[in-house]
C-alpha cells in the first residue's frame, strides 16, 4: 500500500509451507488452503474505491526470501464487474514465526 491509499493486499493460505504454483482466489473469510485472498484499493478523483477478487487465480514463484508472480481475477466494485491483472515481483517474505510441534516432546 502506498501512503496515498493505492495498493494490493495478497494473502496466501498454504498448508505446511509456501510452494510455487497456482492458488485459486477466494473471498475474505474463506480459510481453505491452498488459496489466495486478493484485495485492491485505489483512488478515483479523490474517492477511495476497493474490491476483492471473487474469481481468478494467483501464480506464485518463490525465489529465496522473495516471491513474484501474477494475479488474474475479478471482483465487483459499485455493482460493476472489474477484471484485473496484477503483476508483482521481489516481494519480501515476512520473518518465520515460531511454531509449536503437533507431537509430544519430553
Protein backbone atom coordinates (compact mmCIF):
# COMPACT_ATOMS: atom_id res chain seq x y z
CA UNK A 1 0.00 0.00 0.00
CA UNK A 2 1.18 3.49 -0.71
CA UNK A 3 0.63 6.44 1.65
CA UNK A 4 -1.88 7.80 -0.86
CA UNK A 5 -4.08 4.75 -0.34
CA UNK A 6 -3.50 2.80 -3.55
CA UNK A 7 -2.41 -0.80 -3.28
CA UNK A 8 -2.99 -4.51 -3.38
CA UNK A 9 -3.22 -6.91 -0.47
CA UNK A 10 -2.35 -10.51 -1.32
CA UNK A 11 -2.81 -13.08 1.44
CA UNK A 12 -1.74 -16.63 0.65
CA UNK A 13 -3.26 -19.57 2.51
CA UNK A 14 -0.97 -22.58 2.28
CA UNK A 15 -0.62 -25.84 4.14
CA UNK A 16 2.79 -26.59 5.71
CA UNK A 17 4.96 -24.37 3.56
CA UNK A 18 4.71 -21.92 0.68
CA UNK A 19 5.24 -23.69 -2.62
CA UNK A 20 5.41 -22.21 -6.12
CA UNK A 21 2.30 -22.73 -8.22
CA UNK A 22 -1.25 -21.59 -8.76
CA UNK A 23 -3.53 -20.56 -5.87
CA UNK A 24 -7.25 -20.06 -6.52
CA UNK A 25 -8.73 -16.72 -5.48
CA UNK A 26 -11.23 -16.88 -2.62
CA UNK A 27 -13.30 -14.29 -0.78
CA UNK A 28 -12.08 -12.85 2.53
CA UNK A 29 -13.13 -15.12 5.37
CA UNK A 30 -12.62 -18.31 3.35
CA UNK A 31 -9.80 -20.15 5.13
CA UNK A 32 -9.44 -23.07 2.73
CA UNK A 33 -5.91 -23.89 1.62
CA UNK A 34 -4.21 -23.61 -0.76
CA UNK A 35 -5.87 -20.36 -1.78
CA UNK A 36 -5.30 -16.60 -2.03
CA UNK A 37 -7.25 -13.53 -0.97
CA UNK A 38 -6.65 -10.52 -3.22
CA UNK A 39 -7.94 -7.07 -2.27
CA UNK A 40 -7.46 -3.95 -4.40
CA UNK A 41 -7.77 -0.34 -3.20
CA UNK A 42 -7.36 2.75 -5.34
CA UNK A 43 -8.39 6.39 -5.59
CA UNK A 44 -10.58 7.70 -8.38
CA UNK A 45 -10.77 11.53 -8.29
CA UNK A 46 -10.11 11.67 -4.53
CA UNK A 47 -12.70 8.95 -3.85
CA UNK A 48 -11.41 5.69 -2.40
CA UNK A 49 -12.55 2.55 -4.21
CA UNK A 50 -11.95 -1.06 -3.44
CA UNK A 51 -12.93 -4.64 -4.16
CA UNK A 52 -11.67 -8.17 -3.64
CA UNK A 53 -11.32 -10.98 -6.15
CA UNK A 54 -14.20 -13.45 -6.07
CA UNK A 55 -12.88 -15.41 -9.04
CA UNK A 56 -9.45 -15.97 -10.52
CA UNK A 57 -6.06 -17.27 -9.53
CA UNK A 58 -2.65 -16.18 -8.29
CA UNK A 59 0.60 -17.56 -9.70
CA UNK A 60 3.49 -17.65 -7.23
CA UNK A 61 7.22 -18.03 -7.87
CA UNK A 62 9.45 -18.40 -4.82
CA UNK A 63 12.98 -17.01 -5.17
CA UNK A 64 14.98 -17.12 -1.94
CA UNK A 65 13.18 -14.95 0.61
CA UNK A 66 11.08 -13.15 -2.04
CA UNK A 67 8.08 -14.02 -4.17
CA UNK A 68 6.99 -12.90 -7.62
CA UNK A 69 4.05 -13.73 -9.83
CA UNK A 70 0.76 -12.65 -11.30
CA UNK A 71 -2.82 -12.32 -10.05
CA UNK A 72 -5.63 -12.59 -12.61
CA UNK A 73 -9.22 -12.32 -11.50
CA UNK A 74 -12.22 -10.12 -11.00
CA UNK A 75 -14.49 -8.74 -8.35
CA UNK A 76 -17.44 -6.38 -8.09
CA UNK A 77 -16.93 -2.69 -7.30
CA UNK A 78 -20.01 -0.43 -7.15
CA UNK A 79 -22.05 -3.07 -8.97
CA UNK A 80 -19.60 -3.30 -11.86
CA UNK A 81 -17.51 -6.39 -12.64
CA UNK A 82 -13.85 -5.34 -12.57
CA UNK A 83 -11.48 -7.74 -14.38
CA UNK A 84 -7.97 -7.15 -13.06
CA UNK A 85 -4.46 -8.33 -13.92
CA UNK A 86 -1.69 -7.62 -11.42
CA UNK A 87 1.99 -8.47 -11.71
CA UNK A 88 4.18 -8.39 -8.62
CA UNK A 89 7.87 -9.04 -8.18
CA UNK A 90 10.54 -9.14 -5.49
CA UNK A 91 8.07 -9.01 -2.60
CA UNK A 92 9.97 -9.81 0.61
CA UNK A 93 8.53 -12.55 2.78
CA UNK A 94 8.00 -11.83 6.47
CA UNK A 95 10.12 -13.46 9.13
CA UNK A 96 9.15 -17.00 10.02
CA UNK A 97 7.07 -17.31 13.14
CA UNK A 98 7.75 -19.74 15.96
CA UNK A 99 5.66 -22.86 15.74
CA UNK A 100 4.72 -25.50 18.25
CA UNK A 101 5.12 -29.11 17.13
CA UNK A 102 1.98 -31.26 16.99
CA UNK A 103 3.71 -34.20 18.65
CA UNK A 104 4.71 -34.94 22.22
CA UNK A 105 8.22 -33.78 23.10
CA UNK A 106 9.53 -34.55 26.58
